[in-house]
């Protein structure tokens, strides 16, 4: 998994490439814990995310909780596989997906 971070003032964008699973979720969680403090809004770019597991969903939910007290969080460029996981788990009702 690759994580590409862009910060523009209070806007944080995180692009995730590859697989977000049990092995890689701790890496994303550590990056978010380090980066979210200075962010008012968070955008995930999943255009190159191939797969997400329950461990990845847990990281997204934790980030959503933090950012819901600020200007919010959204997920962009979701492929069909990840979108189906969001649908089945109910995350499509919780997250702002564009």
PDB file of N, CA and C in Angstrom:
ATOM      1  N   UNK A   1       0.848  -1.182   0.000  1.00  0.00           N
ATOM      2  CA  UNK A   1       0.000   0.000   0.000  1.00  0.00           C
ATOM      3  C   UNK A   1       0.890   1.241   0.000  1.00  0.00           C
ATOM      4  N   UNK A   2       0.483   2.232  -0.756  1.00  0.00           N
ATOM      5  CA  UNK A   2       1.140   3.538  -0.758  1.00  0.00           C
ATOM      6  C   UNK A   2       0.163   4.581  -0.242  1.00  0.00           C
ATOM      7  N   UNK A   3       0.676   5.524   0.527  1.00  0.00           N
ATOM      8  CA  UNK A   3      -0.122   6.629   1.043  1.00  0.00           C
ATOM      9  C   UNK A   3       0.515   7.914   0.534  1.00  0.00           C
ATOM     10  N   UNK A   4      -0.282   8.719  -0.152  1.00  0.00           N
ATOM     11  CA  UNK A   4       0.202  10.005  -0.650  1.00  0.00           C
ATOM     12  C   UNK A   4      -0.602  11.096   0.037  1.00  0.00           C
ATOM     13  N   UNK A   5       0.088  11.949   0.767  1.00  0.00           N
ATOM     14  CA  UNK A   5      -0.568  12.972   1.576  1.00  0.00           C
ATOM     15  C   UNK A   5      -0.323  14.343   0.966  1.00  0.00           C
ATOM     16  N   UNK A   6      -1.396  15.131   0.868  1.00  0.00           N
ATOM     17  CA  UNK A   6      -1.294  16.524   0.434  1.00  0.00           C
ATOM     18  C   UNK A   6      -2.053  17.366   1.455  1.00  0.00           C
ATOM     19  N   UNK A   7      -1.394  18.380   1.972  1.00  0.00           N
ATOM     20  CA  UNK A   7      -2.050  19.277   2.914  1.00  0.00           C
ATOM     21  C   UNK A   7      -2.020  20.686   2.352  1.00  0.00           C
ATOM     22  N   UNK A   8      -3.182  21.298   2.267  1.00  0.00           N
ATOM     23  CA  UNK A   8      -3.315  22.667   1.787  1.00  0.00           C
ATOM     24  C   UNK A   8      -4.065  23.438   2.868  1.00  0.00           C
ATOM     25  N   UNK A   9      -3.335  24.117   3.719  1.00  0.00           N
ATOM     26  CA  UNK A   9      -3.970  24.786   4.854  1.00  0.00           C
ATOM     27  C   UNK A   9      -4.610  23.753   5.757  1.00  0.00           C
ATOM     28  N   UNK A  10      -5.904  23.920   6.012  1.00  0.00           N
ATOM     29  CA  UNK A  10      -6.630  22.982   6.861  1.00  0.00           C
ATOM     30  C   UNK A  10      -7.224  21.809   6.117  1.00  0.00           C
ATOM     31  N   UNK A  11      -6.995  21.752   4.800  1.00  0.00           N
ATOM     32  CA  UNK A  11      -7.534  20.664   3.988  1.00  0.00           C
ATOM     33  C   UNK A  11      -6.476  19.583   3.798  1.00  0.00           C
ATOM     34  N   UNK A  12      -6.806  18.374   4.222  1.00  0.00           N
ATOM     35  CA  UNK A  12      -5.906  17.237   4.106  1.00  0.00           C
ATOM     36  C   UNK A  12      -6.481  16.256   3.094  1.00  0.00           C
ATOM     37  N   UNK A  13      -5.667  15.855   2.121  1.00  0.00           N
ATOM     38  CA  UNK A  13      -6.073  14.833   1.163  1.00  0.00           C
ATOM     39  C   UNK A  13      -5.121  13.654   1.278  1.00  0.00           C
ATOM     40  N   UNK A  14      -5.715  12.479   1.407  1.00  0.00           N
ATOM     41  CA  UNK A  14      -4.949  11.245   1.507  1.00  0.00           C
ATOM     42  C   UNK A  14      -5.346  10.341   0.350  1.00  0.00           C
ATOM     43  N   UNK A  15      -4.389  10.035  -0.515  1.00  0.00           N
ATOM     44  CA  UNK A  15      -4.617   9.071  -1.594  1.00  0.00           C
ATOM     45  C   UNK A  15      -4.041   7.734  -1.148  1.00  0.00           C
ATOM     46  N   UNK A  16      -4.844   6.693  -1.255  1.00  0.00           N
ATOM     47  CA  UNK A  16      -4.418   5.358  -0.844  1.00  0.00           C
ATOM     48  C   UNK A  16      -4.373   4.471  -2.082  1.00  0.00           C
ATOM     49  N   UNK A  17      -3.249   3.808  -2.270  1.00  0.00           N
ATOM     50  CA  UNK A  17      -3.056   2.931  -3.426  1.00  0.00           C
ATOM     51  C   UNK A  17      -2.791   1.509  -2.955  1.00  0.00           C
ATOM     52  N   UNK A  18      -3.402   0.542  -3.627  1.00  0.00           N
ATOM     53  CA  UNK A  18      -3.154  -0.858  -3.295  1.00  0.00           C
ATOM     54  C   UNK A  18      -4.267  -1.438  -2.451  1.00  0.00           C
ATOM     55  N   UNK A  19      -3.883  -2.183  -1.423  1.00  0.00           N
ATOM     56  CA  UNK A  19      -4.834  -2.870  -0.553  1.00  0.00           C
ATOM     57  C   UNK A  19      -4.818  -2.262   0.841  1.00  0.00           C
ATOM     58  N   UNK A  20      -5.999  -2.004   1.370  1.00  0.00           N
ATOM     59  CA  UNK A  20      -6.132  -1.528   2.747  1.00  0.00           C
ATOM     60  C   UNK A  20      -6.737  -2.675   3.541  1.00  0.00           C
ATOM     61  N   UNK A  21      -5.858  -3.405   4.236  1.00  0.00           N
ATOM     62  CA  UNK A  21      -6.288  -4.620   4.927  1.00  0.00           C
ATOM     63  C   UNK A  21      -5.622  -4.704   6.300  1.00  0.00           C
ATOM     64  N   UNK A  22      -5.676  -5.859   6.899  1.00  0.00           N
ATOM     65  CA  UNK A  22      -5.137  -6.059   8.248  1.00  0.00           C
ATOM     66  C   UNK A  22      -3.660  -5.700   8.343  1.00  0.00           C
ATOM     67  N   UNK A  23      -2.927  -5.969   7.282  1.00  0.00           N
ATOM     68  CA  UNK A  23      -1.491  -5.712   7.304  1.00  0.00           C
ATOM     69  C   UNK A  23      -1.160  -4.233   7.099  1.00  0.00           C
ATOM     70  N   UNK A  24      -1.978  -3.507   6.343  1.00  0.00           N
ATOM     71  CA  UNK A  24      -1.646  -2.127   5.981  1.00  0.00           C
ATOM     72  C   UNK A  24      -2.447  -1.078   6.749  1.00  0.00           C
ATOM     73  N   UNK A  25      -3.560  -1.468   7.353  1.00  0.00           N
ATOM     74  CA  UNK A  25      -4.396  -0.501   8.078  1.00  0.00           C
ATOM     75  C   UNK A  25      -3.637   0.230   9.189  1.00  0.00           C
ATOM     76  N   UNK A  26      -2.766  -0.450   9.957  1.00  0.00           N
ATOM     77  CA  UNK A  26      -2.023   0.281  10.994  1.00  0.00           C
ATOM     78  C   UNK A  26      -1.155   1.408  10.434  1.00  0.00           C
ATOM     79  N   UNK A  27      -0.635   1.223   9.231  1.00  0.00           N
ATOM     80  CA  UNK A  27       0.181   2.271   8.601  1.00  0.00           C
ATOM     81  C   UNK A  27      -0.675   3.508   8.298  1.00  0.00           C
ATOM     82  N   UNK A  28      -1.878   3.293   7.751  1.00  0.00           N
ATOM     83  CA  UNK A  28      -2.778   4.413   7.470  1.00  0.00           C
ATOM     84  C   UNK A  28      -3.228   5.071   8.770  1.00  0.00           C
ATOM     85  N   UNK A  29      -3.531   4.260   9.769  1.00  0.00           N
ATOM     86  CA  UNK A  29      -3.963   4.796  11.060  1.00  0.00           C
ATOM     87  C   UNK A  29      -2.884   5.687  11.674  1.00  0.00           C
ATOM     88  N   UNK A  30      -1.637   5.255  11.606  1.00  0.00           N
ATOM     89  CA  UNK A  30      -0.522   6.046  12.149  1.00  0.00           C
ATOM     90  C   UNK A  30      -0.386   7.363  11.394  1.00  0.00           C
ATOM     91  N   UNK A  31      -0.514   7.315  10.066  1.00  0.00           N
ATOM     92  CA  UNK A  31      -0.421   8.529   9.255  1.00  0.00           C
ATOM     93  C   UNK A  31      -1.547   9.497   9.605  1.00  0.00           C
ATOM     94  N   UNK A  32      -2.750   8.979   9.766  1.00  0.00           N
ATOM     95  CA  UNK A  32      -3.892   9.836  10.106  1.00  0.00           C
ATOM     96  C   UNK A  32      -3.731  10.443  11.493  1.00  0.00           C
ATOM     97  N   UNK A  33      -3.291   9.654  12.464  1.00  0.00           N
ATOM     98  CA  UNK A  33      -3.096  10.172  13.818  1.00  0.00           C
ATOM     99  C   UNK A  33      -2.092  11.315  13.831  1.00  0.00           C
ATOM    100  N   UNK A  34      -1.113  11.224  12.964  1.00  0.00           N
ATOM    101  CA  UNK A  34      -0.089  12.260  12.885  1.00  0.00           C
ATOM    102  C   UNK A  34      -0.598  13.493  12.139  1.00  0.00           C
ATOM    103  N   UNK A  35      -1.442  13.302  11.136  1.00  0.00           N
ATOM    104  CA  UNK A  35      -1.812  14.383  10.221  1.00  0.00           C
ATOM    105  C   UNK A  35      -3.135  15.073  10.524  1.00  0.00           C
ATOM    106  N   UNK A  36      -4.069  14.395  11.176  1.00  0.00           N
ATOM    107  CA  UNK A  36      -5.412  14.955  11.332  1.00  0.00           C
ATOM    108  C   UNK A  36      -5.496  16.115  12.310  1.00  0.00           C
ATOM    109  N   UNK A  37      -4.559  16.224  13.236  1.00  0.00           N
ATOM    110  CA  UNK A  37      -4.630  17.296  14.231  1.00  0.00           C
ATOM    111  C   UNK A  37      -4.675  18.678  13.599  1.00  0.00           C
ATOM    112  N   UNK A  38      -3.905  18.885  12.537  1.00  0.00           N
ATOM    113  CA  UNK A  38      -3.862  20.187  11.884  1.00  0.00           C
ATOM    114  C   UNK A  38      -4.872  20.344  10.764  1.00  0.00           C
ATOM    115  N   UNK A  39      -5.741  19.360  10.596  1.00  0.00           N
ATOM    116  CA  UNK A  39      -6.681  19.387   9.468  1.00  0.00           C
ATOM    117  C   UNK A  39      -8.088  19.754   9.927  1.00  0.00           C
ATOM    118  N   UNK A  40      -8.755  20.570   9.110  1.00  0.00           N
ATOM    119  CA  UNK A  40     -10.165  20.895   9.346  1.00  0.00           C
ATOM    120  C   UNK A  40     -11.082  19.991   8.532  1.00  0.00           C
ATOM    121  N   UNK A  41     -10.596  19.557   7.357  1.00  0.00           N
ATOM    122  CA  UNK A  41     -11.370  18.652   6.512  1.00  0.00           C
ATOM    123  C   UNK A  41     -10.437  17.580   5.957  1.00  0.00           C
ATOM    124  N   UNK A  42     -11.020  16.435   5.633  1.00  0.00           N
ATOM    125  CA  UNK A  42     -10.243  15.294   5.156  1.00  0.00           C
ATOM    126  C   UNK A  42     -10.919  14.709   3.923  1.00  0.00           C
ATOM    127  N   UNK A  43     -10.130  14.478   2.879  1.00  0.00           N
ATOM    128  CA  UNK A  43     -10.621  13.833   1.655  1.00  0.00           C
ATOM    129  C   UNK A  43      -9.746  12.617   1.394  1.00  0.00           C
ATOM    130  N   UNK A  44     -10.392  11.458   1.243  1.00  0.00           N
ATOM    131  CA  UNK A  44      -9.688  10.254   0.826  1.00  0.00           C
ATOM    132  C   UNK A  44      -9.878  10.086  -0.669  1.00  0.00           C
ATOM    133  N   UNK A  45      -8.793   9.897  -1.397  1.00  0.00           N
ATOM    134  CA  UNK A  45      -8.842   9.581  -2.824  1.00  0.00           C
ATOM    135  C   UNK A  45      -8.569   8.087  -2.962  1.00  0.00           C
ATOM    136  N   UNK A  46      -9.617   7.343  -3.340  1.00  0.00           N
ATOM    137  CA  UNK A  46      -9.491   5.893  -3.456  1.00  0.00           C
ATOM    138  C   UNK A  46      -9.426   5.449  -4.916  1.00  0.00           C
ATOM    139  N   UNK A  47      -9.001   6.338  -5.824  1.00  0.00           N
ATOM    140  CA  UNK A  47      -8.961   5.987  -7.246  1.00  0.00           C
ATOM    141  C   UNK A  47      -8.038   4.806  -7.524  1.00  0.00           C
ATOM    142  N   UNK A  48      -7.041   4.578  -6.687  1.00  0.00           N
ATOM    143  CA  UNK A  48      -6.105   3.467  -6.899  1.00  0.00           C
ATOM    144  C   UNK A  48      -6.165   2.446  -5.760  1.00  0.00           C
ATOM    145  N   UNK A  49      -7.260   2.473  -4.986  1.00  0.00           N
ATOM    146  CA  UNK A  49      -7.446   1.470  -3.930  1.00  0.00           C
ATOM    147  C   UNK A  49      -8.106   0.248  -4.545  1.00  0.00           C
ATOM    148  N   UNK A  50      -7.457  -0.901  -4.409  1.00  0.00           N
ATOM    149  CA  UNK A  50      -7.953  -2.135  -5.018  1.00  0.00           C
ATOM    150  C   UNK A  50      -8.892  -2.916  -4.103  1.00  0.00           C
ATOM    151  N   UNK A  51      -8.694  -2.793  -2.792  1.00  0.00           N
ATOM    152  CA  UNK A  51      -9.413  -3.650  -1.842  1.00  0.00           C
ATOM    153  C   UNK A  51      -9.429  -2.982  -0.479  1.00  0.00           C
ATOM    154  N   UNK A  52     -10.517  -3.174   0.268  1.00  0.00           N
ATOM    155  CA  UNK A  52     -10.586  -2.705   1.650  1.00  0.00           C
ATOM    156  C   UNK A  52     -11.199  -3.805   2.514  1.00  0.00           C
ATOM    157  N   UNK A  53     -10.592  -4.059   3.656  1.00  0.00           N
ATOM    158  CA  UNK A  53     -11.084  -5.078   4.586  1.00  0.00           C
ATOM    159  C   UNK A  53     -11.740  -4.402   5.786  1.00  0.00           C
ATOM    160  N   UNK A  54     -12.196  -5.207   6.721  1.00  0.00           N
ATOM    161  CA  UNK A  54     -12.817  -4.654   7.929  1.00  0.00           C
ATOM    162  C   UNK A  54     -11.829  -3.820   8.733  1.00  0.00           C
ATOM    163  N   UNK A  55     -10.551  -4.162   8.683  1.00  0.00           N
ATOM    164  CA  UNK A  55      -9.534  -3.362   9.383  1.00  0.00           C
ATOM    165  C   UNK A  55      -9.436  -1.973   8.761  1.00  0.00           C
ATOM    166  N   UNK A  56      -9.527  -1.898   7.454  1.00  0.00           N
ATOM    167  CA  UNK A  56      -9.526  -0.605   6.764  1.00  0.00           C
ATOM    168  C   UNK A  56     -10.776   0.193   7.078  1.00  0.00           C
ATOM    169  N   UNK A  57     -11.912  -0.493   7.146  1.00  0.00           N
ATOM    170  CA  UNK A  57     -13.166   0.180   7.493  1.00  0.00           C
ATOM    171  C   UNK A  57     -13.102   0.780   8.896  1.00  0.00           C
ATOM    172  N   UNK A  58     -12.457   0.064   9.803  1.00  0.00           N
ATOM    173  CA  UNK A  58     -12.317   0.560  11.176  1.00  0.00           C
ATOM    174  C   UNK A  58     -11.529   1.869  11.210  1.00  0.00           C
ATOM    175  N   UNK A  59     -10.465   1.942  10.404  1.00  0.00           N
ATOM    176  CA  UNK A  59      -9.656   3.165  10.330  1.00  0.00           C
ATOM    177  C   UNK A  59     -10.498   4.316   9.767  1.00  0.00           C
ATOM    178  N   UNK A  60     -11.287   4.033   8.728  1.00  0.00           N
ATOM    179  CA  UNK A  60     -12.158   5.066   8.153  1.00  0.00           C
ATOM    180  C   UNK A  60     -13.185   5.550   9.164  1.00  0.00           C
ATOM    181  N   UNK A  61     -13.767   4.634   9.913  1.00  0.00           N
ATOM    182  CA  UNK A  61     -14.766   5.009  10.906  1.00  0.00           C
ATOM    183  C   UNK A  61     -14.162   5.889  11.998  1.00  0.00           C
ATOM    184  N   UNK A  62     -12.967   5.552  12.447  1.00  0.00           N
ATOM    185  CA  UNK A  62     -12.285   6.363  13.468  1.00  0.00           C
ATOM    186  C   UNK A  62     -11.994   7.764  12.929  1.00  0.00           C
ATOM    187  N   UNK A  63     -11.540   7.853  11.684  1.00  0.00           N
ATOM    188  CA  UNK A  63     -11.262   9.160  11.071  1.00  0.00           C
ATOM    189  C   UNK A  63     -12.557   9.953  10.921  1.00  0.00           C
ATOM    190  N   UNK A  64     -13.624   9.272  10.540  1.00  0.00           N
ATOM    191  CA  UNK A  64     -14.929   9.930  10.375  1.00  0.00           C
ATOM    192  C   UNK A  64     -15.400  10.532  11.700  1.00  0.00           C
ATOM    193  N   UNK A  65     -15.216   9.804  12.789  1.00  0.00           N
ATOM    194  CA  UNK A  65     -15.622  10.309  14.115  1.00  0.00           C
ATOM    195  C   UNK A  65     -14.876  11.590  14.461  1.00  0.00           C
ATOM    196  N   UNK A  66     -13.575  11.594  14.219  1.00  0.00           N
ATOM    197  CA  UNK A  66     -12.761  12.781  14.520  1.00  0.00           C
ATOM    198  C   UNK A  66     -13.171  13.951  13.632  1.00  0.00           C
ATOM    199  N   UNK A  67     -13.303  13.698  12.332  1.00  0.00           N
ATOM    200  CA  UNK A  67     -13.569  14.782  11.390  1.00  0.00           C
ATOM    201  C   UNK A  67     -15.015  15.275  11.442  1.00  0.00           C
ATOM    202  N   UNK A  68     -15.924  14.481  11.980  1.00  0.00           N
ATOM    203  CA  UNK A  68     -17.319  14.940  12.091  1.00  0.00           C
ATOM    204  C   UNK A  68     -17.447  16.091  13.086  1.00  0.00           C
ATOM    205  N   UNK A  69     -16.455  16.251  13.963  1.00  0.00           N
ATOM    206  CA  UNK A  69     -16.444  17.365  14.910  1.00  0.00           C
ATOM    207  C   UNK A  69     -15.792  18.601  14.296  1.00  0.00           C
ATOM    208  N   UNK A  70     -15.278  18.436  13.067  1.00  0.00           N
ATOM    209  CA  UNK A  70     -14.641  19.541  12.350  1.00  0.00           C
ATOM    210  C   UNK A  70     -15.472  19.820  11.103  1.00  0.00           C
ATOM    211  N   UNK A  71     -14.825  20.066   9.967  1.00  0.00           N
ATOM    212  CA  UNK A  71     -15.537  20.371   8.717  1.00  0.00           C
ATOM    213  C   UNK A  71     -15.932  19.137   7.930  1.00  0.00           C
ATOM    214  N   UNK A  72     -15.574  17.953   8.401  1.00  0.00           N
ATOM    215  CA  UNK A  72     -16.040  16.723   7.778  1.00  0.00           C
ATOM    216  C   UNK A  72     -15.005  15.979   6.969  1.00  0.00           C
ATOM    217  N   UNK A  73     -15.475  14.849   6.430  1.00  0.00           N
ATOM    218  CA  UNK A  73     -14.630  13.933   5.680  1.00  0.00           C
ATOM    219  C   UNK A  73     -15.422  13.409   4.493  1.00  0.00           C
ATOM    220  N   UNK A  74     -14.743  13.213   3.358  1.00  0.00           N
ATOM    221  CA  UNK A  74     -15.406  12.570   2.231  1.00  0.00           C
ATOM    222  C   UNK A  74     -14.441  11.612   1.551  1.00  0.00           C
ATOM    223  N   UNK A  75     -15.035  10.666   0.841  1.00  0.00           N
ATOM    224  CA  UNK A  75     -14.282   9.656   0.115  1.00  0.00           C
ATOM    225  C   UNK A  75     -14.592   9.838  -1.365  1.00  0.00           C
ATOM    226  N   UNK A  76     -13.553   9.905  -2.198  1.00  0.00           N
ATOM    227  CA  UNK A  76     -13.758  10.137  -3.631  1.00  0.00           C
ATOM    228  C   UNK A  76     -13.172   9.001  -4.462  1.00  0.00           C
ATOM    229  N   UNK A  77     -13.650   8.901  -5.699  1.00  0.00           N
ATOM    230  CA  UNK A  77     -13.119   7.980  -6.709  1.00  0.00           C
ATOM    231  C   UNK A  77     -13.114   6.526  -6.240  1.00  0.00           C
ATOM    232  N   UNK A  78     -14.252   6.053  -5.768  1.00  0.00           N
ATOM    233  CA  UNK A  78     -14.382   4.693  -5.257  1.00  0.00           C
ATOM    234  C   UNK A  78     -14.711   3.749  -6.415  1.00  0.00           C
ATOM    235  N   UNK A  79     -13.950   2.659  -6.535  1.00  0.00           N
ATOM    236  CA  UNK A  79     -14.231   1.683  -7.594  1.00  0.00           C
ATOM    237  C   UNK A  79     -15.384   0.760  -7.172  1.00  0.00           C
ATOM    238  N   UNK A  80     -15.815  -0.108  -8.080  1.00  0.00           N
ATOM    239  CA  UNK A  80     -16.979  -0.958  -7.837  1.00  0.00           C
ATOM    240  C   UNK A  80     -16.767  -1.927  -6.677  1.00  0.00           C
ATOM    241  N   UNK A  81     -15.572  -2.463  -6.548  1.00  0.00           N
ATOM    242  CA  UNK A  81     -15.289  -3.440  -5.486  1.00  0.00           C
ATOM    243  C   UNK A  81     -15.407  -2.784  -4.119  1.00  0.00           C
ATOM    244  N   UNK A  82     -14.778  -1.641  -3.956  1.00  0.00           N
ATOM    245  CA  UNK A  82     -14.822  -0.921  -2.679  1.00  0.00           C
ATOM    246  C   UNK A  82     -16.241  -0.398  -2.422  1.00  0.00           C
ATOM    247  N   UNK A  83     -16.907   0.087  -3.462  1.00  0.00           N
ATOM    248  CA  UNK A  83     -18.281   0.578  -3.319  1.00  0.00           C
ATOM    249  C   UNK A  83     -19.211  -0.534  -2.827  1.00  0.00           C
ATOM    250  N   UNK A  84     -19.000  -1.747  -3.314  1.00  0.00           N
ATOM    251  CA  UNK A  84     -19.823  -2.876  -2.873  1.00  0.00           C
ATOM    252  C   UNK A  84     -19.590  -3.179  -1.392  1.00  0.00           C
ATOM    253  N   UNK A  85     -18.342  -3.102  -0.951  1.00  0.00           N
ATOM    254  CA  UNK A  85     -18.034  -3.299   0.477  1.00  0.00           C
ATOM    255  C   UNK A  85     -18.744  -2.232   1.302  1.00  0.00           C
ATOM    256  N   UNK A  86     -18.701  -0.973   0.845  1.00  0.00           N
ATOM    257  CA  UNK A  86     -19.386   0.113   1.553  1.00  0.00           C
ATOM    258  C   UNK A  86     -20.890  -0.138   1.620  1.00  0.00           C
ATOM    259  N   UNK A  87     -21.479  -0.639   0.536  1.00  0.00           N
ATOM    260  CA  UNK A  87     -22.917  -0.916   0.496  1.00  0.00           C
ATOM    261  C   UNK A  87     -23.292  -2.028   1.475  1.00  0.00           C
ATOM    262  N   UNK A  88     -22.565  -3.148   1.408  1.00  0.00           N
ATOM    263  CA  UNK A  88     -22.879  -4.321   2.219  1.00  0.00           C
ATOM    264  C   UNK A  88     -22.726  -4.026   3.711  1.00  0.00           C
ATOM    265  N   UNK A  89     -21.741  -3.215   4.064  1.00  0.00           N
ATOM    266  CA  UNK A  89     -21.468  -2.925   5.478  1.00  0.00           C
ATOM    267  C   UNK A  89     -22.257  -1.741   6.023  1.00  0.00           C
ATOM    268  N   UNK A  90     -22.950  -1.006   5.144  1.00  0.00           N
ATOM    269  CA  UNK A  90     -23.693   0.159   5.585  1.00  0.00           C
ATOM    270  C   UNK A  90     -22.864   1.432   5.641  1.00  0.00           C
ATOM    271  N   UNK A  91     -21.590   1.343   5.255  1.00  0.00           N
ATOM    272  CA  UNK A  91     -20.733   2.524   5.286  1.00  0.00           C
ATOM    273  C   UNK A  91     -21.180   3.568   4.262  1.00  0.00           C
ATOM    274  N   UNK A  92     -21.895   3.122   3.226  1.00  0.00           N
ATOM    275  CA  UNK A  92     -22.374   4.079   2.231  1.00  0.00           C
ATOM    276  C   UNK A  92     -23.412   5.022   2.835  1.00  0.00           C
ATOM    277  N   UNK A  93     -24.045   4.613   3.936  1.00  0.00           N
ATOM    278  CA  UNK A  93     -24.995   5.476   4.635  1.00  0.00           C
ATOM    279  C   UNK A  93     -24.306   6.419   5.622  1.00  0.00           C
ATOM    280  N   UNK A  94     -23.107   6.068   6.034  1.00  0.00           N
ATOM    281  CA  UNK A  94     -22.372   6.847   7.035  1.00  0.00           C
ATOM    282  C   UNK A  94     -21.439   7.866   6.384  1.00  0.00           C
ATOM    283  N   UNK A  95     -20.728   7.431   5.357  1.00  0.00           N
ATOM    284  CA  UNK A  95     -19.693   8.249   4.730  1.00  0.00           C
ATOM    285  C   UNK A  95     -20.266   9.114   3.609  1.00  0.00           C
ATOM    286  N   UNK A  96     -19.625  10.241   3.369  1.00  0.00           N
ATOM    287  CA  UNK A  96     -19.918  11.050   2.192  1.00  0.00           C
ATOM    288  C   UNK A  96     -19.017  10.534   1.080  1.00  0.00           C
ATOM    289  N   UNK A  97     -19.651   9.951   0.058  1.00  0.00           N
ATOM    290  CA  UNK A  97     -18.903   9.330  -1.035  1.00  0.00           C
ATOM    291  C   UNK A  97     -19.224  10.072  -2.325  1.00  0.00           C
ATOM    292  N   UNK A  98     -18.184  10.514  -3.004  1.00  0.00           N
ATOM    293  CA  UNK A  98     -18.360  11.254  -4.270  1.00  0.00           C
ATOM    294  C   UNK A  98     -17.638  10.519  -5.388  1.00  0.00           C
TER     295      UNK A  98
END
